[in-house]
Every structure is written in structure tokens, then in C-alpha cells.
């Protein structure tokens, strides 16, 4: 898939997708309304049901995590300057997010919009469903990623990569998403 500069796209396997979907079901007791920032539920900004995963629990997503690690390595090959940064890795947890038809994150945003999240360098997302007429629109890049099961994106967290969810009013959508940054 051809992507704009700075965005990397690869696919994880069906097994990796199922690993995430199974964890969402297994951890149903942890599912909460999606938060904007760290503390606010604002459905007109983000309408989702999220299963938060703490960084120290990432090993429970063994298949997805291994494949994600390979994708991160490929991103570093594109941008070897990342090997010269101070130590970085997964930060702020990971979310498996479910969007019912009509739900999503339609508000334009970036992954680093204030002091509390300024340590984030990159964002990542894997689509867990094939959802027609859905995806992620990168505003300034004039590019939209389709919601294709297994498609995994990595992109910088800054303002040039402002984006918003493309909402399907007919179908469900699921993703797993999180951030890479300074530990």
C-alpha cells in the first residue's frame, strides 16, 4: 500500500487479529466508554467502548505483539535516526476499541496535543475488522486509510499527522491502538 511520507503500513496475520478480538471478549469486565484525553467521556468527540490494556499486560497479546514488533523494526529501517534517540517504547497503555454503527472518533486530533502526552513520538493502529466506508482520514496529507482487517499503521504523533475517524453508519469497526514514546 502506498502511503504518505512518515506513515508506514503493513498487515498483521489473521491469528494476530484474533488474538486481539479474543482479549477484548476475555476482558469484557474491563470495557469502559472511550475517553478523550485521559479523563473525559465526550461521545460527540469519541463514541467507543474501550478495553484498556496496561503496558505490563502486553505479553497477553503474544501473537499480535510479536508481529507488531516486526512492523516497528521495519519502521525503524525506514527511519534509522530512531536508533539514536533516548530509550523509547510502548507508553500510556494500549486500547482495543469497539465502534458500533455510527460510532467513532470524528473529531480531528493528533496523538500529542499537550504537555501530558508530549512524550509520545508515534502512534500505531491495527484494524480488527473489514468495515466498508470507514477508516482514518489524515487531514493535511489528504489521504485516507481504509479499514481493512489486519492493516497496521504507524505514524508520527505531531500536528502534521492530524486525523479523524471515518464513520460507518452501517457497520461495526474495531481497532487496537496505542503509542510509542519516551519511557
N, C-alpha and C. Protein backbone atom coordinates (compact mmCIF):
# COMPACT_ATOMS: atom_id res chain seq x y z
N UNK A 1 0.85 -1.17 0.00
CA UNK A 1 0.00 0.00 0.00
C UNK A 1 0.89 1.24 0.00
N UNK A 2 0.60 2.15 -0.87
CA UNK A 2 1.33 3.41 -0.91
C UNK A 2 0.75 4.36 0.15
N UNK A 3 1.65 4.95 0.92
CA UNK A 3 1.25 5.84 2.00
C UNK A 3 2.01 7.15 1.89
N UNK A 4 1.51 8.20 2.51
CA UNK A 4 2.25 9.46 2.55
C UNK A 4 3.53 9.30 3.38
N UNK A 5 4.46 10.21 3.19
CA UNK A 5 5.71 10.20 3.93
C UNK A 5 5.44 10.16 5.43
N UNK A 6 6.15 9.29 6.12
CA UNK A 6 6.04 9.19 7.57
C UNK A 6 5.05 8.15 8.05
N UNK A 7 4.12 7.75 7.20
CA UNK A 7 3.15 6.71 7.59
C UNK A 7 3.61 5.38 7.01
N UNK A 8 3.69 4.38 7.86
CA UNK A 8 4.11 3.05 7.45
C UNK A 8 2.90 2.13 7.57
N UNK A 9 2.69 1.28 6.57
CA UNK A 9 1.55 0.36 6.57
C UNK A 9 2.01 -1.06 6.26
N UNK A 10 1.59 -1.98 7.07
CA UNK A 10 1.81 -3.42 6.87
C UNK A 10 0.61 -4.15 7.45
N UNK A 11 0.51 -5.43 7.13
CA UNK A 11 -0.57 -6.24 7.67
C UNK A 11 -0.05 -7.22 8.72
N UNK A 12 -0.83 -7.39 9.78
CA UNK A 12 -0.61 -8.49 10.70
C UNK A 12 -1.49 -9.65 10.23
N UNK A 13 -1.22 -10.82 10.76
CA UNK A 13 -1.94 -12.03 10.34
C UNK A 13 -3.35 -12.10 10.94
N UNK A 14 -4.13 -12.99 10.39
CA UNK A 14 -5.47 -13.29 10.93
C UNK A 14 -5.36 -13.77 12.37
N UNK A 15 -4.32 -14.56 12.66
CA UNK A 15 -4.10 -15.04 14.04
C UNK A 15 -3.86 -13.87 15.00
N UNK A 16 -3.11 -12.87 14.56
CA UNK A 16 -2.84 -11.70 15.40
C UNK A 16 -4.13 -10.92 15.65
N UNK A 17 -4.94 -10.76 14.61
CA UNK A 17 -6.23 -10.07 14.76
C UNK A 17 -7.10 -10.84 15.76
N UNK A 18 -7.18 -12.15 15.61
CA UNK A 18 -7.99 -12.97 16.52
C UNK A 18 -7.47 -12.91 17.94
N UNK A 19 -6.15 -12.80 18.11
CA UNK A 19 -5.55 -12.63 19.43
C UNK A 19 -6.14 -11.40 20.12
N UNK A 20 -6.26 -10.31 19.38
CA UNK A 20 -6.82 -9.06 19.93
C UNK A 20 -8.32 -9.19 20.21
N UNK A 21 -9.06 -9.74 19.26
CA UNK A 21 -10.51 -9.90 19.43
C UNK A 21 -10.82 -10.80 20.64
N UNK A 22 -10.05 -11.87 20.80
CA UNK A 22 -10.26 -12.77 21.93
C UNK A 22 -9.97 -12.07 23.26
N UNK A 23 -8.95 -11.21 23.28
CA UNK A 23 -8.64 -10.49 24.51
C UNK A 23 -9.77 -9.53 24.86
N UNK A 24 -10.34 -8.87 23.85
CA UNK A 24 -11.46 -7.95 24.10
C UNK A 24 -12.62 -8.71 24.76
N UNK A 25 -12.92 -9.90 24.25
CA UNK A 25 -14.00 -10.71 24.82
C UNK A 25 -13.63 -11.20 26.22
N UNK A 26 -12.42 -11.69 26.37
CA UNK A 26 -11.98 -12.23 27.66
C UNK A 26 -11.98 -11.16 28.75
N UNK A 27 -11.63 -9.93 28.38
CA UNK A 27 -11.54 -8.84 29.35
C UNK A 27 -12.78 -7.93 29.32
N UNK A 28 -13.93 -8.50 28.98
CA UNK A 28 -15.17 -7.71 28.87
C UNK A 28 -15.48 -6.94 30.15
N UNK A 29 -15.06 -7.45 31.29
CA UNK A 29 -15.30 -6.77 32.57
C UNK A 29 -14.52 -5.45 32.69
N UNK A 30 -13.53 -5.23 31.82
CA UNK A 30 -12.71 -4.01 31.87
C UNK A 30 -13.19 -2.94 30.87
N UNK A 31 -14.18 -3.27 30.04
CA UNK A 31 -14.62 -2.36 28.98
C UNK A 31 -15.29 -1.14 29.57
N UNK A 32 -14.87 0.03 29.06
CA UNK A 32 -15.39 1.32 29.54
C UNK A 32 -15.70 2.22 28.35
N UNK A 33 -16.55 3.23 28.55
CA UNK A 33 -16.75 4.21 27.46
C UNK A 33 -15.41 4.87 27.11
N UNK A 34 -15.20 5.13 25.81
CA UNK A 34 -13.95 5.71 25.35
C UNK A 34 -13.70 7.09 25.93
N UNK A 35 -12.46 7.30 26.35
CA UNK A 35 -12.07 8.58 26.94
C UNK A 35 -11.41 9.48 25.90
N UNK A 36 -11.63 10.77 26.03
CA UNK A 36 -10.91 11.78 25.27
C UNK A 36 -9.87 12.31 26.24
N UNK A 37 -8.61 12.30 25.83
CA UNK A 37 -7.55 12.59 26.79
C UNK A 37 -7.49 11.44 27.76
N UNK A 38 -7.23 11.71 29.00
CA UNK A 38 -7.11 10.62 29.97
C UNK A 38 -8.32 10.50 30.88
N UNK A 39 -9.22 11.51 30.88
CA UNK A 39 -10.22 11.52 31.93
C UNK A 39 -11.65 11.83 31.49
N UNK A 40 -11.90 12.20 30.24
CA UNK A 40 -13.23 12.70 29.88
C UNK A 40 -13.93 11.79 28.89
N UNK A 41 -15.20 11.52 29.16
CA UNK A 41 -16.07 10.83 28.21
C UNK A 41 -16.87 11.93 27.49
N UNK A 42 -16.61 12.09 26.19
CA UNK A 42 -17.31 13.10 25.39
C UNK A 42 -17.76 12.39 24.10
N UNK A 43 -18.96 11.77 24.11
CA UNK A 43 -19.39 10.94 22.98
C UNK A 43 -19.41 11.66 21.63
N UNK A 44 -19.63 12.98 21.61
CA UNK A 44 -19.63 13.67 20.31
C UNK A 44 -18.22 13.79 19.74
N UNK A 45 -17.18 13.61 20.58
CA UNK A 45 -15.79 13.60 20.11
C UNK A 45 -15.34 12.17 19.79
N UNK A 46 -15.68 11.25 20.72
CA UNK A 46 -15.27 9.85 20.59
C UNK A 46 -16.36 8.98 21.19
N UNK A 47 -16.96 8.13 20.37
CA UNK A 47 -18.04 7.25 20.80
C UNK A 47 -17.58 5.81 20.60
N UNK A 48 -17.04 5.23 21.67
CA UNK A 48 -16.49 3.87 21.58
C UNK A 48 -16.63 3.16 22.91
N UNK A 49 -16.40 1.86 22.87
CA UNK A 49 -16.27 1.04 24.08
C UNK A 49 -14.87 0.47 24.05
N UNK A 50 -14.05 0.88 25.03
CA UNK A 50 -12.62 0.57 25.03
C UNK A 50 -12.26 -0.47 26.09
N UNK A 51 -11.36 -1.35 25.71
CA UNK A 51 -10.76 -2.29 26.64
C UNK A 51 -9.31 -1.84 26.83
N UNK A 52 -9.01 -1.14 27.93
CA UNK A 52 -7.65 -0.67 28.16
C UNK A 52 -6.73 -1.82 28.58
N UNK A 53 -5.52 -1.79 28.06
CA UNK A 53 -4.52 -2.81 28.38
C UNK A 53 -3.29 -2.09 28.90
N UNK A 54 -2.91 -2.40 30.10
CA UNK A 54 -1.71 -1.82 30.68
C UNK A 54 -0.47 -2.35 29.95
N UNK A 55 0.56 -1.53 29.91
CA UNK A 55 1.80 -1.92 29.23
C UNK A 55 2.34 -3.25 29.76
N UNK A 56 2.26 -3.47 31.06
CA UNK A 56 2.81 -4.72 31.60
C UNK A 56 1.95 -5.94 31.26
N UNK A 57 0.80 -5.74 30.61
CA UNK A 57 -0.06 -6.85 30.18
C UNK A 57 0.11 -7.18 28.70
N UNK A 58 0.96 -6.45 28.00
CA UNK A 58 1.06 -6.62 26.55
C UNK A 58 1.45 -8.05 26.16
N UNK A 59 2.14 -8.75 27.06
CA UNK A 59 2.51 -10.14 26.80
C UNK A 59 1.32 -11.06 26.59
N UNK A 60 0.15 -10.65 27.08
CA UNK A 60 -1.07 -11.44 26.86
C UNK A 60 -1.49 -11.41 25.40
N UNK A 61 -0.99 -10.42 24.66
CA UNK A 61 -1.26 -10.33 23.22
C UNK A 61 -0.05 -10.85 22.46
N UNK A 62 0.37 -12.04 22.80
CA UNK A 62 1.64 -12.59 22.33
C UNK A 62 1.78 -12.58 20.81
N UNK A 63 0.79 -13.03 20.09
CA UNK A 63 0.88 -13.13 18.62
C UNK A 63 0.91 -11.73 18.01
N UNK A 64 -0.06 -10.89 18.40
CA UNK A 64 -0.11 -9.52 17.86
C UNK A 64 1.17 -8.77 18.22
N UNK A 65 1.61 -8.89 19.47
CA UNK A 65 2.78 -8.15 19.93
C UNK A 65 4.03 -8.53 19.13
N UNK A 66 4.22 -9.80 18.86
CA UNK A 66 5.40 -10.22 18.09
C UNK A 66 5.34 -9.62 16.68
N UNK A 67 4.18 -9.70 16.04
CA UNK A 67 4.06 -9.16 14.69
C UNK A 67 4.18 -7.63 14.69
N UNK A 68 3.65 -6.98 15.72
CA UNK A 68 3.78 -5.53 15.84
C UNK A 68 5.24 -5.15 16.00
N UNK A 69 5.97 -5.93 16.78
CA UNK A 69 7.40 -5.67 16.96
C UNK A 69 8.14 -5.73 15.62
N UNK A 70 7.80 -6.69 14.78
CA UNK A 70 8.41 -6.80 13.44
C UNK A 70 8.08 -5.56 12.60
N UNK A 71 6.85 -5.06 12.70
CA UNK A 71 6.44 -3.87 11.94
C UNK A 71 7.20 -2.64 12.45
N UNK A 72 7.35 -2.53 13.77
CA UNK A 72 8.13 -1.42 14.33
C UNK A 72 9.57 -1.49 13.82
N UNK A 73 10.15 -2.67 13.79
CA UNK A 73 11.51 -2.83 13.27
C UNK A 73 11.60 -2.35 11.82
N UNK A 74 10.59 -2.65 11.01
CA UNK A 74 10.58 -2.19 9.62
C UNK A 74 10.47 -0.67 9.54
N UNK A 75 9.71 -0.07 10.46
CA UNK A 75 9.60 1.39 10.51
C UNK A 75 10.96 2.00 10.85
N UNK A 76 11.66 1.40 11.79
CA UNK A 76 12.99 1.88 12.18
C UNK A 76 13.96 1.77 11.00
N UNK A 77 13.83 0.73 10.19
CA UNK A 77 14.69 0.61 9.00
C UNK A 77 14.47 1.78 8.03
N UNK A 78 13.22 2.26 7.96
CA UNK A 78 12.93 3.42 7.11
C UNK A 78 13.53 4.70 7.70
N UNK A 79 13.52 4.79 9.02
CA UNK A 79 13.94 6.00 9.72
C UNK A 79 14.97 5.63 10.80
N UNK A 80 16.21 5.29 10.38
CA UNK A 80 17.21 4.80 11.33
C UNK A 80 17.61 5.80 12.41
N UNK A 81 17.27 7.06 12.26
CA UNK A 81 17.54 8.04 13.31
C UNK A 81 16.89 7.61 14.62
N UNK A 82 15.83 6.81 14.54
CA UNK A 82 15.12 6.35 15.74
C UNK A 82 16.02 5.50 16.65
N UNK A 83 17.08 4.92 16.09
CA UNK A 83 18.01 4.13 16.91
C UNK A 83 18.92 5.02 17.75
N UNK A 84 18.97 6.29 17.42
CA UNK A 84 19.85 7.22 18.13
C UNK A 84 19.11 8.02 19.22
N UNK A 85 17.81 7.88 19.30
CA UNK A 85 17.02 8.56 20.33
C UNK A 85 17.29 7.94 21.71
N UNK A 86 16.92 8.66 22.73
CA UNK A 86 16.93 8.08 24.07
C UNK A 86 15.97 6.90 24.07
N UNK A 87 16.06 6.01 25.07
CA UNK A 87 15.18 4.83 25.08
C UNK A 87 13.71 5.21 24.92
N UNK A 88 13.03 4.43 24.09
CA UNK A 88 11.61 4.63 23.86
C UNK A 88 10.95 3.28 23.68
N UNK A 89 9.64 3.26 23.80
CA UNK A 89 8.88 2.02 23.66
C UNK A 89 7.40 2.33 23.82
N UNK A 90 6.63 1.31 24.16
CA UNK A 90 5.19 1.50 24.38
C UNK A 90 4.98 2.41 25.59
N UNK A 91 4.07 3.36 25.46
CA UNK A 91 3.74 4.27 26.56
C UNK A 91 2.22 4.43 26.65
N UNK A 92 1.75 4.76 27.82
CA UNK A 92 0.35 5.13 28.07
C UNK A 92 -0.66 4.02 27.81
N UNK A 93 -0.24 2.79 27.75
CA UNK A 93 -1.17 1.69 27.55
C UNK A 93 -1.64 1.54 26.12
N UNK A 94 -2.46 0.55 25.93
CA UNK A 94 -3.00 0.20 24.62
C UNK A 94 -4.50 0.07 24.79
N UNK A 95 -5.25 0.37 23.74
CA UNK A 95 -6.71 0.25 23.79
C UNK A 95 -7.20 -0.62 22.64
N UNK A 96 -8.05 -1.57 22.96
CA UNK A 96 -8.83 -2.25 21.93
C UNK A 96 -10.17 -1.53 21.94
N UNK A 97 -10.56 -0.97 20.81
CA UNK A 97 -11.74 -0.11 20.75
C UNK A 97 -12.80 -0.69 19.82
N UNK A 98 -14.03 -0.65 20.29
CA UNK A 98 -15.18 -1.09 19.51
C UNK A 98 -16.05 0.13 19.20
N UNK A 99 -16.40 0.28 17.94
CA UNK A 99 -17.30 1.35 17.50
C UNK A 99 -18.55 0.72 16.91
N UNK A 100 -19.69 0.99 17.51
CA UNK A 100 -20.95 0.49 16.94
C UNK A 100 -21.23 1.29 15.66
N UNK A 101 -22.17 0.84 14.81
CA UNK A 101 -22.51 1.65 13.63
C UNK A 101 -22.87 3.08 14.07
N UNK A 102 -22.28 4.05 13.40
CA UNK A 102 -22.49 5.45 13.74
C UNK A 102 -21.51 5.97 14.78
N UNK A 103 -20.78 5.06 15.44
CA UNK A 103 -19.79 5.45 16.45
C UNK A 103 -18.44 5.68 15.82
N UNK A 104 -17.56 6.31 16.54
CA UNK A 104 -16.21 6.55 16.03
C UNK A 104 -15.55 7.71 16.74
N UNK A 105 -14.52 8.22 16.10
CA UNK A 105 -13.76 9.36 16.63
C UNK A 105 -13.72 10.41 15.51
N UNK A 106 -14.84 11.13 15.29
CA UNK A 106 -14.93 12.04 14.16
C UNK A 106 -14.22 13.38 14.36
N UNK A 107 -13.74 13.63 15.56
CA UNK A 107 -13.08 14.91 15.84
C UNK A 107 -11.61 14.85 15.42
N UNK A 108 -11.18 15.84 14.66
CA UNK A 108 -9.79 15.92 14.25
C UNK A 108 -8.90 16.06 15.49
N UNK A 109 -7.80 15.30 15.49
CA UNK A 109 -6.88 15.33 16.64
C UNK A 109 -5.51 14.82 16.21
N UNK A 110 -4.55 14.98 17.09
CA UNK A 110 -3.26 14.33 16.94
C UNK A 110 -3.03 13.53 18.22
N UNK A 111 -1.96 12.79 18.27
CA UNK A 111 -1.71 11.95 19.43
C UNK A 111 -0.83 12.64 20.48
N UNK A 112 -0.42 13.86 20.20
CA UNK A 112 0.35 14.65 21.14
C UNK A 112 -0.15 16.08 21.06
N UNK A 113 -1.09 16.41 21.94
CA UNK A 113 -1.73 17.72 21.86
C UNK A 113 -1.55 18.57 23.11
N UNK A 114 -0.68 18.12 24.01
CA UNK A 114 -0.47 18.89 25.23
C UNK A 114 0.69 18.32 26.03
N UNK A 115 0.98 18.97 27.12
CA UNK A 115 2.11 18.57 27.95
C UNK A 115 1.98 17.14 28.46
N UNK A 116 0.76 16.71 28.81
CA UNK A 116 0.56 15.37 29.36
C UNK A 116 0.90 14.25 28.39
N UNK A 117 0.85 14.51 27.08
CA UNK A 117 1.17 13.47 26.10
C UNK A 117 2.31 13.88 25.17
N UNK A 118 3.11 14.86 25.59
CA UNK A 118 4.20 15.34 24.75
C UNK A 118 5.35 14.33 24.62
N UNK A 119 5.36 13.30 25.44
CA UNK A 119 6.38 12.25 25.36
C UNK A 119 6.09 11.24 24.24
N UNK A 120 4.92 11.32 23.63
CA UNK A 120 4.57 10.39 22.55
C UNK A 120 5.29 10.80 21.26
N UNK A 121 5.95 9.82 20.64
CA UNK A 121 6.64 10.06 19.37
C UNK A 121 5.81 9.58 18.19
N UNK A 122 5.17 8.44 18.36
CA UNK A 122 4.44 7.81 17.27
C UNK A 122 3.16 7.18 17.80
N UNK A 123 2.23 6.99 16.89
CA UNK A 123 1.00 6.25 17.19
C UNK A 123 0.98 5.01 16.30
N UNK A 124 0.24 4.02 16.74
CA UNK A 124 0.03 2.84 15.90
C UNK A 124 -1.43 2.41 16.01
N UNK A 125 -1.88 1.71 15.00
CA UNK A 125 -3.26 1.22 14.98
C UNK A 125 -3.32 0.02 14.06
N UNK A 126 -4.02 -1.00 14.50
CA UNK A 126 -4.34 -2.15 13.67
C UNK A 126 -5.85 -2.24 13.57
N UNK A 127 -6.37 -2.29 12.35
CA UNK A 127 -7.81 -2.50 12.16
C UNK A 127 -8.11 -3.97 12.40
N UNK A 128 -9.14 -4.24 13.20
CA UNK A 128 -9.52 -5.61 13.54
C UNK A 128 -10.74 -6.09 12.77
N UNK A 129 -11.30 -5.22 11.94
CA UNK A 129 -12.46 -5.57 11.12
C UNK A 129 -12.27 -5.03 9.70
N UNK A 130 -12.96 -5.64 8.78
CA UNK A 130 -13.13 -5.08 7.44
C UNK A 130 -14.42 -4.28 7.51
N UNK A 131 -14.32 -2.97 7.44
CA UNK A 131 -15.51 -2.14 7.56
C UNK A 131 -15.57 -1.20 6.37
N UNK A 132 -16.60 -1.39 5.55
CA UNK A 132 -16.76 -0.55 4.36
C UNK A 132 -17.04 0.89 4.77
N UNK A 133 -16.59 1.81 3.95
CA UNK A 133 -16.84 3.24 4.17
C UNK A 133 -16.38 3.69 5.55
N UNK A 134 -15.24 3.15 6.00
CA UNK A 134 -14.66 3.53 7.29
C UNK A 134 -13.15 3.55 7.14
N UNK A 135 -12.48 4.07 8.12
CA UNK A 135 -11.03 4.15 8.11
C UNK A 135 -10.57 5.35 8.90
N UNK A 136 -9.44 5.92 8.48
CA UNK A 136 -8.86 7.07 9.16
C UNK A 136 -8.42 8.08 8.12
N UNK A 137 -8.93 9.30 8.26
CA UNK A 137 -8.59 10.37 7.33
C UNK A 137 -7.51 11.26 7.94
N UNK A 138 -6.39 11.37 7.25
CA UNK A 138 -5.30 12.25 7.66
C UNK A 138 -5.50 13.58 6.94
N UNK A 139 -5.95 14.56 7.69
CA UNK A 139 -6.43 15.84 7.17
C UNK A 139 -5.44 16.52 6.24
N UNK A 140 -4.25 16.86 6.73
CA UNK A 140 -3.31 17.66 5.96
C UNK A 140 -2.61 16.85 4.87
N UNK A 141 -2.62 15.54 5.00
CA UNK A 141 -1.97 14.69 4.00
C UNK A 141 -2.93 14.35 2.86
N UNK A 142 -4.21 14.69 3.05
CA UNK A 142 -5.23 14.39 2.05
C UNK A 142 -5.18 12.90 1.65
N UNK A 143 -5.17 12.06 2.69
CA UNK A 143 -5.08 10.62 2.49
C UNK A 143 -5.96 9.93 3.53
N UNK A 144 -6.65 8.90 3.10
CA UNK A 144 -7.50 8.11 3.99
C UNK A 144 -7.08 6.66 3.94
N UNK A 145 -6.81 6.09 5.11
CA UNK A 145 -6.51 4.67 5.23
C UNK A 145 -7.82 3.91 5.30
N UNK A 146 -7.96 2.83 4.54
CA UNK A 146 -9.19 2.04 4.61
C UNK A 146 -9.19 1.12 5.83
N UNK A 147 -10.35 0.83 6.34
CA UNK A 147 -10.49 -0.09 7.48
C UNK A 147 -10.47 -1.52 6.94
N UNK A 148 -9.27 -2.07 6.83
CA UNK A 148 -9.07 -3.43 6.32
C UNK A 148 -8.48 -4.29 7.44
N UNK A 149 -9.10 -5.40 7.71
CA UNK A 149 -8.67 -6.28 8.80
C UNK A 149 -7.18 -6.60 8.68
N UNK A 150 -6.46 -6.32 9.76
CA UNK A 150 -5.03 -6.61 9.83
C UNK A 150 -4.14 -5.45 9.42
N UNK A 151 -4.68 -4.46 8.70
CA UNK A 151 -3.86 -3.32 8.28
C UNK A 151 -3.38 -2.58 9.52
N UNK A 152 -2.08 -2.41 9.60
CA UNK A 152 -1.45 -1.75 10.74
C UNK A 152 -0.70 -0.53 10.25
N UNK A 153 -0.94 0.59 10.91
CA UNK A 153 -0.30 1.85 10.56
C UNK A 153 0.56 2.33 11.73
N UNK A 154 1.68 2.95 11.41
CA UNK A 154 2.50 3.68 12.38
C UNK A 154 2.73 5.06 11.78
N UNK A 155 2.59 6.11 12.60
CA UNK A 155 2.80 7.47 12.11
C UNK A 155 3.27 8.37 13.25
N UNK A 156 3.94 9.48 12.92
CA UNK A 156 4.36 10.43 13.95
C UNK A 156 3.16 11.03 14.68
N UNK A 157 3.38 11.38 15.94
CA UNK A 157 2.30 11.85 16.80
C UNK A 157 2.01 13.35 16.66
N UNK A 158 2.75 14.07 15.84
CA UNK A 158 2.63 15.54 15.85
C UNK A 158 1.53 16.07 14.94
N UNK A 159 1.41 17.39 14.94
CA UNK A 159 0.31 18.10 14.28
C UNK A 159 0.22 17.86 12.77
N UNK A 160 1.32 17.55 12.11
CA UNK A 160 1.26 17.31 10.67
C UNK A 160 0.42 16.08 10.33
N UNK A 161 0.25 15.21 11.31
CA UNK A 161 -0.49 13.95 11.11
C UNK A 161 -1.86 14.00 11.79
N UNK A 162 -2.47 15.19 11.80
CA UNK A 162 -3.83 15.33 12.32
C UNK A 162 -4.74 14.38 11.55
N UNK A 163 -5.66 13.76 12.27
CA UNK A 163 -6.53 12.76 11.65
C UNK A 163 -7.85 12.67 12.40
N UNK A 164 -8.78 11.96 11.79
CA UNK A 164 -10.07 11.68 12.42
C UNK A 164 -10.60 10.38 11.84
N UNK A 165 -11.48 9.77 12.60
CA UNK A 165 -12.08 8.52 12.13
C UNK A 165 -13.11 8.78 11.06
N UNK A 166 -13.15 7.88 10.08
CA UNK A 166 -14.21 7.88 9.07
C UNK A 166 -15.28 6.93 9.61
N UNK A 167 -16.47 7.47 9.78
CA UNK A 167 -17.55 6.77 10.47
C UNK A 167 -18.41 5.97 9.49
N UNK A 168 -18.65 4.70 9.84
CA UNK A 168 -19.61 3.89 9.10
C UNK A 168 -20.92 3.91 9.88
N UNK A 169 -21.98 4.31 9.22
CA UNK A 169 -23.29 4.30 9.87
C UNK A 169 -23.97 2.94 9.77
N UNK A 170 -23.38 2.03 8.97
CA UNK A 170 -23.99 0.72 8.74
C UNK A 170 -23.29 -0.42 9.48
N UNK A 171 -21.98 -0.32 9.69
CA UNK A 171 -21.22 -1.47 10.17
C UNK A 171 -20.38 -1.13 11.41
N UNK A 172 -20.07 -2.17 12.17
CA UNK A 172 -19.19 -2.05 13.32
C UNK A 172 -17.75 -1.90 12.86
N UNK A 173 -16.92 -1.36 13.74
CA UNK A 173 -15.49 -1.19 13.47
C UNK A 173 -14.75 -1.47 14.77
N UNK A 174 -13.62 -2.17 14.66
CA UNK A 174 -12.77 -2.40 15.83
C UNK A 174 -11.32 -2.15 15.46
N UNK A 175 -10.58 -1.60 16.44
CA UNK A 175 -9.15 -1.35 16.26
C UNK A 175 -8.42 -1.67 17.56
N UNK A 176 -7.13 -1.84 17.46
CA UNK A 176 -6.24 -1.79 18.62
C UNK A 176 -5.28 -0.66 18.34
N UNK A 177 -5.06 0.19 19.33
CA UNK A 177 -4.26 1.39 19.11
C UNK A 177 -3.47 1.75 20.35
N UNK A 178 -2.42 2.52 20.14
CA UNK A 178 -1.60 2.98 21.25
C UNK A 178 -0.47 3.86 20.75
N UNK A 179 0.54 4.01 21.61
CA UNK A 179 1.59 4.99 21.33
C UNK A 179 2.97 4.44 21.65
N UNK A 180 3.93 4.98 20.95
CA UNK A 180 5.34 4.71 21.22
C UNK A 180 5.97 6.05 21.60
N UNK A 181 6.78 6.04 22.62
CA UNK A 181 7.38 7.30 23.04
C UNK A 181 8.45 7.08 24.08
N UNK A 182 8.86 8.19 24.69
CA UNK A 182 9.91 8.14 25.68
C UNK A 182 9.37 7.57 26.97
N UNK A 183 10.12 6.63 27.52
CA UNK A 183 9.68 5.89 28.70
C UNK A 183 9.86 6.71 29.97
